[in-house]
Protein backbone atom coordinates (compact mmCIF):
# COMPACT_ATOMS: atom_id res chain seq x y z
CA MET A 1 -8.95 3.00 5.16
CA VAL A 2 -6.07 0.76 4.06
CA GLU A 3 -2.46 1.96 3.58
CA ASN A 4 -1.17 2.12 -0.12
CA THR A 5 -4.83 3.14 -1.20
CA THR A 6 -4.21 5.96 -3.91
CA VAL A 7 -6.54 8.92 -2.68
CA THR A 8 -6.80 12.71 -4.68
CA PHE A 9 -7.23 16.27 -2.64
CA GLU A 10 -6.60 19.77 -3.31
CA TRP A 11 -3.89 21.91 -2.13
CA GLU A 12 -3.27 25.19 -3.42
CA ASN A 13 -5.61 24.88 -6.47
CA THR A 14 -4.43 22.15 -7.88
CA THR A 15 -5.45 18.57 -7.63
CA LEU A 16 -2.73 16.13 -6.35
CA SER A 17 -2.94 12.22 -5.83
CA GLY A 18 -0.96 9.79 -3.93
CA GLN A 19 -0.48 6.78 -1.80
CA VAL A 20 -1.58 6.71 1.53
CA SER A 21 1.26 5.48 3.70
CA LYS A 22 0.17 6.34 7.26
CA GLU A 23 -3.44 6.87 9.20
CA TYR A 24 -3.69 8.91 12.03
CA GLU A 25 -6.71 10.06 13.78
CA ASN A 26 -8.09 13.01 11.53
CA SER A 27 -5.59 12.62 8.68
CA TYR A 28 -3.65 10.73 6.42
CA LEU A 29 0.24 10.60 5.58
CA VAL A 30 0.29 10.83 1.84
CA GLU A 31 3.43 9.88 -0.61
CA ILE A 32 2.69 12.25 -3.33
CA ASP A 33 2.44 11.08 -6.99
CA ASN A 34 4.67 13.01 -9.70
CA PRO A 35 5.57 15.84 -6.61
CA THR A 36 6.38 19.48 -8.11
CA LYS A 37 9.68 21.09 -6.79
CA GLU A 38 8.32 23.05 -4.65
CA ILE A 39 6.48 20.12 -3.14
CA ALA A 40 9.59 17.65 -2.96
CA ASP A 41 11.90 20.25 -1.84
CA SER A 42 9.51 21.55 1.04
CA TYR A 43 7.26 18.36 1.92
CA ASN A 44 9.88 15.68 0.65
CA GLY A 45 7.49 14.69 -1.42
CA ARG A 46 4.77 13.57 1.39
CA MET A 47 2.10 15.51 2.68
CA VAL A 48 0.02 15.26 5.82
CA VAL A 49 -3.66 15.91 4.43
CA SER A 50 -7.05 15.85 6.39
CA LYS A 51 -9.31 12.77 6.07
CA LYS A 52 -12.27 15.41 4.87
CA ALA A 53 -10.28 16.77 2.32
CA CYS A 54 -9.08 13.47 0.60
CA LYS A 55 -11.62 11.23 -1.96
CA ILE A 56 -10.28 7.78 -2.97
CA LYS A 57 -9.49 8.02 -6.51
CA GLU A 58 -11.37 5.22 -8.89
CA ASP A 59 -9.78 3.82 -11.67
CA ASN A 60 -11.54 4.05 -15.25
């Protein structure tokens, strides 16, 4: 997957989206769009997410 691709994923029963900033073997580092206060404080607005959990966000 290309960096800066927008993906969506589920985290704690919430659908989040963001841009892939780095790809690892089995996961992506995702810069979260509109992070909650908890995500911003705990994860600095970035999360490592399993490739299996990510879906490419399609613009309609």
